[in-house]
Amino acid sequence: MTNQSSSLRPRVLSGMRPTGKLHLGNYVGALQNWVKLQDSHDCFFFVADWHALTTDYDDTSRLANNTLEVVLDYLGAGLDPEKCAIFVQSHVPQHAELFLLFSIHCSWLPT
């Protein structure tokens, strides 16, 4: 991805859970728009493998393969790693660190 830190382009961060193969709904509902956004925004698209564990925690045997399939689907749909960042959530330790910090902060908020 080109370094455009000095630009004033809006940023996009979005991802999909790798719970199975992506389908037409994923393409029409998100991917098609992501492909367009990568030309006008600083885009960060991820595979939300930790989020997938909220529903598929009883059998994680397909998680690694599903994660790879989602990345391949992203590329096949037209996401260009030269125009956007594509990453796997669990490969970025700061995701868990930020979650911890936010959950601590939120527990202090008055109800």
PDB file of N, CA and C in Angstrom:
ATOM      1  N   MET A   1       0.850  -1.181   0.000  1.00  0.00           N
ATOM      2  CA  MET A   1       0.000   0.000   0.000  1.00  0.00           C
ATOM      3  C   MET A   1       0.891   1.237   0.000  1.00  0.00           C
ATOM      4  N   THR A   2       0.559   2.178  -0.796  1.00  0.00           N
ATOM      5  CA  THR A   2       1.329   3.399  -0.921  1.00  0.00           C
ATOM      6  C   THR A   2       1.241   4.207   0.366  1.00  0.00           C
ATOM      7  N   ASN A   3       2.352   4.784   0.778  1.00  0.00           N
ATOM      8  CA  ASN A   3       2.355   5.612   1.981  1.00  0.00           C
ATOM      9  C   ASN A   3       1.702   6.950   1.664  1.00  0.00           C
ATOM     10  N   GLN A   4       0.545   7.173   2.239  1.00  0.00           N
ATOM     11  CA  GLN A   4      -0.171   8.424   2.013  1.00  0.00           C
ATOM     12  C   GLN A   4      -0.525   9.059   3.349  1.00  0.00           C
ATOM     13  N   SER A   5       0.407   8.947   4.312  1.00  0.00           N
ATOM     14  CA  SER A   5       0.122   9.449   5.652  1.00  0.00           C
ATOM     15  C   SER A   5      -0.110  10.950   5.679  1.00  0.00           C
ATOM     16  N   SER A   6       0.424  11.667   4.700  1.00  0.00           N
ATOM     17  CA  SER A   6       0.225  13.109   4.694  1.00  0.00           C
ATOM     18  C   SER A   6      -1.069  13.504   3.993  1.00  0.00           C
ATOM     19  N   SER A   7      -1.744  12.542   3.387  1.00  0.00           N
ATOM     20  CA  SER A   7      -2.979  12.870   2.678  1.00  0.00           C
ATOM     21  C   SER A   7      -4.134  13.040   3.662  1.00  0.00           C
ATOM     22  N   LEU A   8      -5.177  13.649   3.165  1.00  0.00           N
ATOM     23  CA  LEU A   8      -6.359  13.856   3.985  1.00  0.00           C
ATOM     24  C   LEU A   8      -7.486  12.923   3.565  1.00  0.00           C
ATOM     25  N   ARG A   9      -7.131  11.807   2.959  1.00  0.00           N
ATOM     26  CA  ARG A   9      -8.137  10.848   2.516  1.00  0.00           C
ATOM     27  C   ARG A   9      -8.822  10.213   3.724  1.00  0.00           C
ATOM     28  N   PRO A  10     -10.120   9.980   3.626  1.00  0.00           N
ATOM     29  CA  PRO A  10     -10.817   9.275   4.708  1.00  0.00           C
ATOM     30  C   PRO A  10     -10.285   7.845   4.832  1.00  0.00           C
ATOM     31  N   ARG A  11     -10.453   7.269   6.003  1.00  0.00           N
ATOM     32  CA  ARG A  11      -9.998   5.900   6.245  1.00  0.00           C
ATOM     33  C   ARG A  11     -11.176   4.969   6.424  1.00  0.00           C
ATOM     34  N   VAL A  12     -10.970   3.742   5.989  1.00  0.00           N
ATOM     35  CA  VAL A  12     -11.965   2.692   6.137  1.00  0.00           C
ATOM     36  C   VAL A  12     -11.290   1.504   6.807  1.00  0.00           C
ATOM     37  N   LEU A  13     -11.931   0.949   7.817  1.00  0.00           N
ATOM     38  CA  LEU A  13     -11.493  -0.294   8.441  1.00  0.00           C
ATOM     39  C   LEU A  13     -12.705  -1.206   8.477  1.00  0.00           C
ATOM     40  N   SER A  14     -12.593  -2.372   7.867  1.00  0.00           N
ATOM     41  CA  SER A  14     -13.702  -3.312   7.868  1.00  0.00           C
ATOM     42  C   SER A  14     -13.160  -4.724   7.703  1.00  0.00           C
ATOM     43  N   GLY A  15     -13.984  -5.683   8.060  1.00  0.00           N
ATOM     44  CA  GLY A  15     -13.558  -7.067   7.929  1.00  0.00           C
ATOM     45  C   GLY A  15     -14.732  -8.014   7.890  1.00  0.00           C
ATOM     46  N   MET A  16     -14.409  -9.269   7.613  1.00  0.00           N
ATOM     47  CA  MET A  16     -15.421 -10.334   7.574  1.00  0.00           C
ATOM     48  C   MET A  16     -14.920 -11.523   8.384  1.00  0.00           C
ATOM     49  N   ARG A  17     -15.860 -12.198   9.016  1.00  0.00           N
ATOM     50  CA  ARG A  17     -15.518 -13.400   9.772  1.00  0.00           C
ATOM     51  C   ARG A  17     -15.359 -14.587   8.822  1.00  0.00           C
ATOM     52  N   PRO A  18     -14.335 -15.389   9.006  1.00  0.00           N
ATOM     53  CA  PRO A  18     -14.127 -16.541   8.133  1.00  0.00           C
ATOM     54  C   PRO A  18     -14.892 -17.776   8.626  1.00  0.00           C
ATOM     55  N   THR A  19     -16.196 -17.700   8.557  1.00  0.00           N
ATOM     56  CA  THR A  19     -17.028 -18.809   9.036  1.00  0.00           C
ATOM     57  C   THR A  19     -17.372 -19.795   7.931  1.00  0.00           C
ATOM     58  N   GLY A  20     -16.899 -19.536   6.728  1.00  0.00           N
ATOM     59  CA  GLY A  20     -17.157 -20.396   5.581  1.00  0.00           C
ATOM     60  C   GLY A  20     -16.817 -19.633   4.321  1.00  0.00           C
ATOM     61  N   LYS A  21     -17.123 -20.223   3.194  1.00  0.00           N
ATOM     62  CA  LYS A  21     -16.843 -19.558   1.923  1.00  0.00           C
ATOM     63  C   LYS A  21     -17.713 -18.308   1.794  1.00  0.00           C
ATOM     64  N   LEU A  22     -17.122 -17.264   1.201  1.00  0.00           N
ATOM     65  CA  LEU A  22     -17.903 -16.068   0.950  1.00  0.00           C
ATOM     66  C   LEU A  22     -18.888 -16.351  -0.183  1.00  0.00           C
ATOM     67  N   HIS A  23     -19.950 -15.563  -0.242  1.00  0.00           N
ATOM     68  CA  HIS A  23     -21.015 -15.807  -1.209  1.00  0.00           C
ATOM     69  C   HIS A  23     -21.433 -14.489  -1.855  1.00  0.00           C
ATOM     70  N   LEU A  24     -22.416 -14.567  -2.719  1.00  0.00           N
ATOM     71  CA  LEU A  24     -22.877 -13.397  -3.457  1.00  0.00           C
ATOM     72  C   LEU A  24     -23.292 -12.263  -2.517  1.00  0.00           C
ATOM     73  N   GLY A  25     -23.904 -12.603  -1.398  1.00  0.00           N
ATOM     74  CA  GLY A  25     -24.304 -11.586  -0.424  1.00  0.00           C
ATOM     75  C   GLY A  25     -23.114 -10.817   0.117  1.00  0.00           C
ATOM     76  N   ASN A  26     -21.992 -11.512   0.363  1.00  0.00           N
ATOM     77  CA  ASN A  26     -20.778 -10.834   0.812  1.00  0.00           C
ATOM     78  C   ASN A  26     -20.272  -9.874  -0.258  1.00  0.00           C
ATOM     79  N   TYR A  27     -20.345 -10.330  -1.508  1.00  0.00           N
ATOM     80  CA  TYR A  27     -19.849  -9.496  -2.601  1.00  0.00           C
ATOM     81  C   TYR A  27     -20.718  -8.256  -2.776  1.00  0.00           C
ATOM     82  N   VAL A  28     -22.015  -8.459  -2.899  1.00  0.00           N
ATOM     83  CA  VAL A  28     -22.930  -7.334  -3.130  1.00  0.00           C
ATOM     84  C   VAL A  28     -23.022  -6.447  -1.889  1.00  0.00           C
ATOM     85  N   GLY A  29     -22.995  -7.055  -0.717  1.00  0.00           N
ATOM     86  CA  GLY A  29     -23.172  -6.299   0.516  1.00  0.00           C
ATOM     87  C   GLY A  29     -21.952  -5.524   0.973  1.00  0.00           C
ATOM     88  N   ALA A  30     -20.745  -5.966   0.574  1.00  0.00           N
ATOM     89  CA  ALA A  30     -19.549  -5.290   1.072  1.00  0.00           C
ATOM     90  C   ALA A  30     -18.412  -5.239   0.055  1.00  0.00           C
ATOM     91  N   LEU A  31     -17.989  -6.377  -0.427  1.00  0.00           N
ATOM     92  CA  LEU A  31     -16.782  -6.426  -1.254  1.00  0.00           C
ATOM     93  C   LEU A  31     -16.830  -5.516  -2.475  1.00  0.00           C
ATOM     94  N   GLN A  32     -17.949  -5.481  -3.138  1.00  0.00           N
ATOM     95  CA  GLN A  32     -18.089  -4.635  -4.322  1.00  0.00           C
ATOM     96  C   GLN A  32     -17.801  -3.176  -3.969  1.00  0.00           C
ATOM     97  N   ASN A  33     -18.307  -2.731  -2.835  1.00  0.00           N
ATOM     98  CA  ASN A  33     -18.070  -1.359  -2.381  1.00  0.00           C
ATOM     99  C   ASN A  33     -16.615  -1.166  -1.940  1.00  0.00           C
ATOM    100  N   TRP A  34     -16.040  -2.170  -1.276  1.00  0.00           N
ATOM    101  CA  TRP A  34     -14.646  -2.069  -0.847  1.00  0.00           C
ATOM    102  C   TRP A  34     -13.727  -1.841  -2.036  1.00  0.00           C
ATOM    103  N   VAL A  35     -13.988  -2.558  -3.131  1.00  0.00           N
ATOM    104  CA  VAL A  35     -13.159  -2.418  -4.331  1.00  0.00           C
ATOM    105  C   VAL A  35     -13.201  -0.968  -4.820  1.00  0.00           C
ATOM    106  N   LYS A  36     -14.363  -0.341  -4.780  1.00  0.00           N
ATOM    107  CA  LYS A  36     -14.481   1.059  -5.193  1.00  0.00           C
ATOM    108  C   LYS A  36     -13.775   1.987  -4.206  1.00  0.00           C
ATOM    109  N   LEU A  37     -13.927   1.717  -2.917  1.00  0.00           N
ATOM    110  CA  LEU A  37     -13.374   2.595  -1.885  1.00  0.00           C
ATOM    111  C   LEU A  37     -11.850   2.643  -1.888  1.00  0.00           C
ATOM    112  N   GLN A  38     -11.213   1.570  -2.311  1.00  0.00           N
ATOM    113  CA  GLN A  38      -9.752   1.533  -2.250  1.00  0.00           C
ATOM    114  C   GLN A  38      -9.093   2.590  -3.140  1.00  0.00           C
ATOM    115  N   ASP A  39      -9.841   3.145  -4.087  1.00  0.00           N
ATOM    116  CA  ASP A  39      -9.290   4.188  -4.953  1.00  0.00           C
ATOM    117  C   ASP A  39      -9.418   5.588  -4.353  1.00  0.00           C
ATOM    118  N   SER A  40     -10.307   5.762  -3.400  1.00  0.00           N
ATOM    119  CA  SER A  40     -10.547   7.099  -2.857  1.00  0.00           C
ATOM    120  C   SER A  40     -10.309   7.210  -1.349  1.00  0.00           C
ATOM    121  N   HIS A  41     -10.039   6.092  -0.690  1.00  0.00           N
ATOM    122  CA  HIS A  41      -9.858   6.069   0.763  1.00  0.00           C
ATOM    123  C   HIS A  41      -8.598   5.281   1.126  1.00  0.00           C
ATOM    124  N   ASP A  42      -8.085   5.521   2.324  1.00  0.00           N
ATOM    125  CA  ASP A  42      -7.051   4.662   2.892  1.00  0.00           C
ATOM    126  C   ASP A  42      -7.781   3.484   3.536  1.00  0.00           C
ATOM    127  N   CYS A  43      -7.670   2.323   2.933  1.00  0.00           N
ATOM    128  CA  CYS A  43      -8.489   1.175   3.336  1.00  0.00           C
ATOM    129  C   CYS A  43      -7.674   0.097   4.028  1.00  0.00           C
ATOM    130  N   PHE A  44      -8.268  -0.460   5.075  1.00  0.00           N
ATOM    131  CA  PHE A  44      -7.695  -1.553   5.838  1.00  0.00           C
ATOM    132  C   PHE A  44      -8.788  -2.614   5.967  1.00  0.00           C
ATOM    133  N   PHE A  45      -8.603  -3.733   5.292  1.00  0.00           N
ATOM    134  CA  PHE A  45      -9.591  -4.804   5.306  1.00  0.00           C
ATOM    135  C   PHE A  45      -8.969  -6.031   5.958  1.00  0.00           C
ATOM    136  N   PHE A  46      -9.716  -6.630   6.888  1.00  0.00           N
ATOM    137  CA  PHE A  46      -9.139  -7.752   7.614  1.00  0.00           C
ATOM    138  C   PHE A  46     -10.060  -8.955   7.640  1.00  0.00           C
ATOM    139  N   VAL A  47      -9.446 -10.083   7.915  1.00  0.00           N
ATOM    140  CA  VAL A  47     -10.185 -11.318   8.149  1.00  0.00           C
ATOM    141  C   VAL A  47     -10.323 -11.427   9.659  1.00  0.00           C
ATOM    142  N   ALA A  48     -11.546 -11.397  10.139  1.00  0.00           N
ATOM    143  CA  ALA A  48     -11.836 -11.323  11.571  1.00  0.00           C
ATOM    144  C   ALA A  48     -11.874 -12.722  12.192  1.00  0.00           C
ATOM    145  N   ASP A  49     -10.711 -13.366  12.231  1.00  0.00           N
ATOM    146  CA  ASP A  49     -10.676 -14.742  12.727  1.00  0.00           C
ATOM    147  C   ASP A  49     -10.977 -14.831  14.220  1.00  0.00           C
ATOM    148  N   TRP A  50     -10.581 -13.846  15.007  1.00  0.00           N
ATOM    149  CA  TRP A  50     -10.951 -13.888  16.425  1.00  0.00           C
ATOM    150  C   TRP A  50     -12.457 -13.699  16.588  1.00  0.00           C
ATOM    151  N   HIS A  51     -13.047 -12.840  15.774  1.00  0.00           N
ATOM    152  CA  HIS A  51     -14.496 -12.659  15.838  1.00  0.00           C
ATOM    153  C   HIS A  51     -15.240 -13.935  15.464  1.00  0.00           C
ATOM    154  N   ALA A  52     -14.649 -14.735  14.594  1.00  0.00           N
ATOM    155  CA  ALA A  52     -15.281 -16.001  14.197  1.00  0.00           C
ATOM    156  C   ALA A  52     -15.428 -16.935  15.387  1.00  0.00           C
ATOM    157  N   LEU A  53     -14.573 -16.782  16.369  1.00  0.00           N
ATOM    158  CA  LEU A  53     -14.623 -17.656  17.552  1.00  0.00           C
ATOM    159  C   LEU A  53     -15.821 -17.369  18.448  1.00  0.00           C
ATOM    160  N   THR A  54     -16.540 -16.290  18.191  1.00  0.00           N
ATOM    161  CA  THR A  54     -17.728 -16.010  19.005  1.00  0.00           C
ATOM    162  C   THR A  54     -18.862 -16.975  18.688  1.00  0.00           C
ATOM    163  N   THR A  55     -18.825 -17.608  17.516  1.00  0.00           N
ATOM    164  CA  THR A  55     -19.877 -18.564  17.164  1.00  0.00           C
ATOM    165  C   THR A  55     -19.336 -19.943  16.827  1.00  0.00           C
ATOM    166  N   ASP A  56     -18.106 -20.042  16.330  1.00  0.00           N
ATOM    167  CA  ASP A  56     -17.567 -21.337  15.918  1.00  0.00           C
ATOM    168  C   ASP A  56     -16.510 -21.861  16.873  1.00  0.00           C
ATOM    169  N   TYR A  57     -16.659 -21.585  18.151  1.00  0.00           N
ATOM    170  CA  TYR A  57     -15.637 -21.971  19.121  1.00  0.00           C
ATOM    171  C   TYR A  57     -15.604 -23.470  19.407  1.00  0.00           C
ATOM    172  N   ASP A  58     -16.681 -24.192  19.104  1.00  0.00           N
ATOM    173  CA  ASP A  58     -16.726 -25.624  19.412  1.00  0.00           C
ATOM    174  C   ASP A  58     -15.922 -26.456  18.415  1.00  0.00           C
ATOM    175  N   ASP A  59     -15.697 -25.959  17.197  1.00  0.00           N
ATOM    176  CA  ASP A  59     -14.917 -26.675  16.199  1.00  0.00           C
ATOM    177  C   ASP A  59     -14.126 -25.665  15.389  1.00  0.00           C
ATOM    178  N   THR A  60     -12.862 -25.509  15.733  1.00  0.00           N
ATOM    179  CA  THR A  60     -12.018 -24.521  15.050  1.00  0.00           C
ATOM    180  C   THR A  60     -11.157 -25.163  13.956  1.00  0.00           C
ATOM    181  N   SER A  61     -11.438 -26.407  13.618  1.00  0.00           N
ATOM    182  CA  SER A  61     -10.589 -27.125  12.665  1.00  0.00           C
ATOM    183  C   SER A  61     -10.583 -26.492  11.273  1.00  0.00           C
ATOM    184  N   ARG A  62     -11.613 -25.780  10.907  1.00  0.00           N
ATOM    185  CA  ARG A  62     -11.689 -25.175   9.575  1.00  0.00           C
ATOM    186  C   ARG A  62     -11.256 -23.703   9.552  1.00  0.00           C
ATOM    187  N   LEU A  63     -10.946 -23.146  10.699  1.00  0.00           N
ATOM    188  CA  LEU A  63     -10.670 -21.714  10.789  1.00  0.00           C
ATOM    189  C   LEU A  63      -9.472 -21.285   9.943  1.00  0.00           C
ATOM    190  N   ALA A  64      -8.366 -21.997   9.995  1.00  0.00           N
ATOM    191  CA  ALA A  64      -7.180 -21.611   9.228  1.00  0.00           C
ATOM    192  C   ALA A  64      -7.457 -21.658   7.724  1.00  0.00           C
ATOM    193  N   ASN A  65      -8.103 -22.718   7.261  1.00  0.00           N
ATOM    194  CA  ASN A  65      -8.412 -22.827   5.837  1.00  0.00           C
ATOM    195  C   ASN A  65      -9.431 -21.766   5.411  1.00  0.00           C
ATOM    196  N   ASN A  66     -10.453 -21.538   6.240  1.00  0.00           N
ATOM    197  CA  ASN A  66     -11.450 -20.508   5.919  1.00  0.00           C
ATOM    198  C   ASN A  66     -10.805 -19.124   5.846  1.00  0.00           C
ATOM    199  N   THR A  67      -9.831 -18.868   6.720  1.00  0.00           N
ATOM    200  CA  THR A  67      -9.131 -17.585   6.720  1.00  0.00           C
ATOM    201  C   THR A  67      -8.397 -17.388   5.398  1.00  0.00           C
ATOM    202  N   LEU A  68      -7.693 -18.405   4.958  1.00  0.00           N
ATOM    203  CA  LEU A  68      -7.002 -18.329   3.674  1.00  0.00           C
ATOM    204  C   LEU A  68      -7.991 -18.120   2.533  1.00  0.00           C
ATOM    205  N   GLU A  69      -9.110 -18.831   2.563  1.00  0.00           N
ATOM    206  CA  GLU A  69     -10.125 -18.705   1.510  1.00  0.00           C
ATOM    207  C   GLU A  69     -10.684 -17.281   1.442  1.00  0.00           C
ATOM    208  N   VAL A  70     -10.900 -16.663   2.581  1.00  0.00           N
ATOM    209  CA  VAL A  70     -11.430 -15.297   2.592  1.00  0.00           C
ATOM    210  C   VAL A  70     -10.419 -14.333   1.976  1.00  0.00           C
ATOM    211  N   VAL A  71      -9.141 -14.491   2.314  1.00  0.00           N
ATOM    212  CA  VAL A  71      -8.115 -13.626   1.711  1.00  0.00           C
ATOM    213  C   VAL A  71      -8.108 -13.808   0.199  1.00  0.00           C
ATOM    214  N   LEU A  72      -8.187 -15.044  -0.258  1.00  0.00           N
ATOM    215  CA  LEU A  72      -8.221 -15.306  -1.701  1.00  0.00           C
ATOM    216  C   LEU A  72      -9.467 -14.697  -2.344  1.00  0.00           C
ATOM    217  N   ASP A  73     -10.599 -14.768  -1.648  1.00  0.00           N
ATOM    218  CA  ASP A  73     -11.826 -14.143  -2.160  1.00  0.00           C
ATOM    219  C   ASP A  73     -11.681 -12.626  -2.245  1.00  0.00           C
ATOM    220  N   TYR A  74     -11.047 -12.022  -1.241  1.00  0.00           N
ATOM    221  CA  TYR A  74     -10.796 -10.580  -1.282  1.00  0.00           C
ATOM    222  C   TYR A  74     -10.022 -10.222  -2.561  1.00  0.00           C
ATOM    223  N   LEU A  75      -8.953 -10.963  -2.804  1.00  0.00           N
ATOM    224  CA  LEU A  75      -8.120 -10.699  -3.976  1.00  0.00           C
ATOM    225  C   LEU A  75      -8.895 -10.960  -5.263  1.00  0.00           C
ATOM    226  N   GLY A  76      -9.645 -12.046  -5.283  1.00  0.00           N
ATOM    227  CA  GLY A  76     -10.427 -12.391  -6.465  1.00  0.00           C
ATOM    228  C   GLY A  76     -11.517 -11.374  -6.779  1.00  0.00           C
ATOM    229  N   ALA A  77     -12.031 -10.721  -5.736  1.00  0.00           N
ATOM    230  CA  ALA A  77     -13.080  -9.714  -5.941  1.00  0.00           C
ATOM    231  C   ALA A  77     -12.508  -8.396  -6.460  1.00  0.00           C
ATOM    232  N   GLY A  78     -11.188  -8.230  -6.355  1.00  0.00           N
ATOM    233  CA  GLY A  78     -10.580  -7.021  -6.886  1.00  0.00           C
ATOM    234  C   GLY A  78      -9.864  -6.143  -5.886  1.00  0.00           C
ATOM    235  N   LEU A  79      -9.768  -6.570  -4.627  1.00  0.00           N
ATOM    236  CA  LEU A  79      -8.970  -5.783  -3.687  1.00  0.00           C
ATOM    237  C   LEU A  79      -7.511  -5.901  -4.096  1.00  0.00           C
ATOM    238  N   ASP A  80      -6.833  -4.780  -4.129  1.00  0.00           N
ATOM    239  CA  ASP A  80      -5.462  -4.712  -4.608  1.00  0.00           C
ATOM    240  C   ASP A  80      -4.539  -4.354  -3.444  1.00  0.00           C
ATOM    241  N   PRO A  81      -3.623  -5.252  -3.069  1.00  0.00           N
ATOM    242  CA  PRO A  81      -2.708  -4.961  -1.954  1.00  0.00           C
ATOM    243  C   PRO A  81      -1.819  -3.738  -2.189  1.00  0.00           C
ATOM    244  N   GLU A  82      -1.752  -3.255  -3.427  1.00  0.00           N
ATOM    245  CA  GLU A  82      -1.020  -2.018  -3.698  1.00  0.00           C
ATOM    246  C   GLU A  82      -1.861  -0.787  -3.350  1.00  0.00           C
ATOM    247  N   LYS A  83      -3.173  -0.976  -3.203  1.00  0.00           N
ATOM    248  CA  LYS A  83      -4.084   0.137  -2.917  1.00  0.00           C
ATOM    249  C   LYS A  83      -4.675   0.077  -1.516  1.00  0.00           C
ATOM    250  N   CYS A  84      -4.651  -1.079  -0.880  1.00  0.00           N
ATOM    251  CA  CYS A  84      -5.258  -1.226   0.444  1.00  0.00           C
ATOM    252  C   CYS A  84      -4.449  -2.240   1.253  1.00  0.00           C
ATOM    253  N   ALA A  85      -4.640  -2.211   2.550  1.00  0.00           N
ATOM    254  CA  ALA A  85      -4.000  -3.192   3.427  1.00  0.00           C
ATOM    255  C   ALA A  85      -4.991  -4.330   3.675  1.00  0.00           C
ATOM    256  N   ILE A  86      -4.511  -5.547   3.538  1.00  0.00           N
ATOM    257  CA  ILE A  86      -5.312  -6.734   3.829  1.00  0.00           C
ATOM    258  C   ILE A  86      -4.547  -7.512   4.892  1.00  0.00           C
ATOM    259  N   PHE A  87      -5.219  -7.834   6.005  1.00  0.00           N
ATOM    260  CA  PHE A  87      -4.512  -8.528   7.077  1.00  0.00           C
ATOM    261  C   PHE A  87      -5.454  -9.449   7.842  1.00  0.00           C
ATOM    262  N   VAL A  88      -4.852 -10.329   8.620  1.00  0.00           N
ATOM    263  CA  VAL A  88      -5.589 -11.267   9.460  1.00  0.00           C
ATOM    264  C   VAL A  88      -5.567 -10.720  10.888  1.00  0.00           C
ATOM    265  N   GLN A  89      -6.728 -10.609  11.485  1.00  0.00           N
ATOM    266  CA  GLN A  89      -6.881  -9.993  12.801  1.00  0.00           C
ATOM    267  C   GLN A  89      -5.927 -10.576  13.842  1.00  0.00           C
ATOM    268  N   SER A  90      -5.839 -11.890  13.924  1.00  0.00           N
ATOM    269  CA  SER A  90      -5.020 -12.508  14.971  1.00  0.00           C
ATOM    270  C   SER A  90      -3.519 -12.311  14.748  1.00  0.00           C
ATOM    271  N   HIS A  91      -3.123 -11.818  13.583  1.00  0.00           N
ATOM    272  CA  HIS A  91      -1.712 -11.568  13.318  1.00  0.00           C
ATOM    273  C   HIS A  91      -1.276 -10.181  13.784  1.00  0.00           C
ATOM    274  N   VAL A  92      -2.219  -9.416  14.328  1.00  0.00           N
ATOM    275  CA  VAL A  92      -1.923  -8.066  14.813  1.00  0.00           C
ATOM    276  C   VAL A  92      -2.214  -8.039  16.318  1.00  0.00           C
ATOM    277  N   PRO A  93      -1.192  -8.232  17.150  1.00  0.00           N
ATOM    278  CA  PRO A  93      -1.417  -8.316  18.603  1.00  0.00           C
ATOM    279  C   PRO A  93      -2.075  -7.070  19.195  1.00  0.00           C
ATOM    280  N   GLN A  94      -1.935  -5.938  18.531  1.00  0.00           N
ATOM    281  CA  GLN A  94      -2.529  -4.710  19.051  1.00  0.00           C
ATOM    282  C   GLN A  94      -4.055  -4.777  19.091  1.00  0.00           C
ATOM    283  N   HIS A  95      -4.661  -5.647  18.290  1.00  0.00           N
ATOM    284  CA  HIS A  95      -6.119  -5.815  18.356  1.00  0.00           C
ATOM    285  C   HIS A  95      -6.525  -6.285  19.748  1.00  0.00           C
ATOM    286  N   ALA A  96      -5.854  -7.289  20.254  1.00  0.00           N
ATOM    287  CA  ALA A  96      -6.178  -7.809  21.587  1.00  0.00           C
ATOM    288  C   ALA A  96      -5.826  -6.787  22.660  1.00  0.00           C
ATOM    289  N   GLU A  97      -4.706  -6.096  22.486  1.00  0.00           N
ATOM    290  CA  GLU A  97      -4.308  -5.083  23.470  1.00  0.00           C
ATOM    291  C   GLU A  97      -5.327  -3.944  23.528  1.00  0.00           C
ATOM    292  N   LEU A  98      -5.774  -3.509  22.373  1.00  0.00           N
ATOM    293  CA  LEU A  98      -6.756  -2.425  22.333  1.00  0.00           C
ATOM    294  C   LEU A  98      -8.081  -2.870  22.940  1.00  0.00           C
ATOM    295  N   PHE A  99      -8.485  -4.119  22.652  1.00  0.00           N
ATOM    296  CA  PHE A  99      -9.703  -4.653  23.260  1.00  0.00           C
ATOM    297  C   PHE A  99      -9.596  -4.617  24.781  1.00  0.00           C
ATOM    298  N   LEU A 100      -8.462  -5.049  25.298  1.00  0.00           N
ATOM    299  CA  LEU A 100      -8.266  -5.048  26.748  1.00  0.00           C
ATOM    300  C   LEU A 100      -8.380  -3.629  27.305  1.00  0.00           C
ATOM    301  N   LEU A 101      -7.719  -2.680  26.667  1.00  0.00           N
ATOM    302  CA  LEU A 101      -7.768  -1.301  27.147  1.00  0.00           C
ATOM    303  C   LEU A 101      -9.178  -0.724  27.080  1.00  0.00           C
ATOM    304  N   PHE A 102      -9.881  -0.980  25.982  1.00  0.00           N
ATOM    305  CA  PHE A 102     -11.254  -0.491  25.862  1.00  0.00           C
ATOM    306  C   PHE A 102     -12.164  -1.143  26.895  1.00  0.00           C
ATOM    307  N   SER A 103     -12.006  -2.442  27.126  1.00  0.00           N
ATOM    308  CA  SER A 103     -12.886  -3.118  28.083  1.00  0.00           C
ATOM    309  C   SER A 103     -12.622  -2.633  29.508  1.00  0.00           C
ATOM    310  N   ILE A 104     -11.383  -2.326  29.822  1.00  0.00           N
ATOM    311  CA  ILE A 104     -11.071  -1.763  31.146  1.00  0.00           C
ATOM    312  C   ILE A 104     -11.698  -0.374  31.271  1.00  0.00           C
ATOM    313  N   HIS A 105     -11.530   0.438  30.243  1.00  0.00           N
ATOM    314  CA  HIS A 105     -12.078   1.795  30.270  1.00  0.00           C
ATOM    315  C   HIS A 105     -13.608   1.760  30.377  1.00  0.00           C
ATOM    316  N   CYS A 106     -14.235   0.890  29.601  1.00  0.00           N
ATOM    317  CA  CYS A 106     -15.692   0.829  29.610  1.00  0.00           C
ATOM    318  C   CYS A 106     -16.234   0.332  30.934  1.00  0.00           C
ATOM    319  N   SER A 107     -15.481  -0.495  31.628  1.00  0.00           N
ATOM    320  CA  SER A 107     -15.959  -1.003  32.926  1.00  0.00           C
ATOM    321  C   SER A 107     -15.978   0.106  33.978  1.00  0.00           C
ATOM    322  N   TRP A 108     -15.280   1.191  33.725  1.00  0.00           N
ATOM    323  CA  TRP A 108     -15.257   2.316  34.660  1.00  0.00           C
ATOM    324  C   TRP A 108     -16.363   3.322  34.375  1.00  0.00           C
ATOM    325  N   LEU A 109     -17.016   3.191  33.228  1.00  0.00           N
ATOM    326  CA  LEU A 109     -18.051   4.160  32.874  1.00  0.00           C
ATOM    327  C   LEU A 109     -19.278   3.970  33.762  1.00  0.00           C
ATOM    328  N   PRO A 110     -19.905   5.057  34.182  1.00  0.00           N
ATOM    329  CA  PRO A 110     -21.116   4.930  34.998  1.00  0.00           C
ATOM    330  C   PRO A 110     -22.268   4.339  34.174  1.00  0.00           C
ATOM    331  N   THR A 111     -23.111   3.589  34.838  1.00  0.00           N
ATOM    332  CA  THR A 111     -24.249   2.978  34.137  1.00  0.00           C
ATOM    333  C   THR A 111     -25.480   3.836  34.250  1.00  0.00           C
TER     334      THR A 111
END
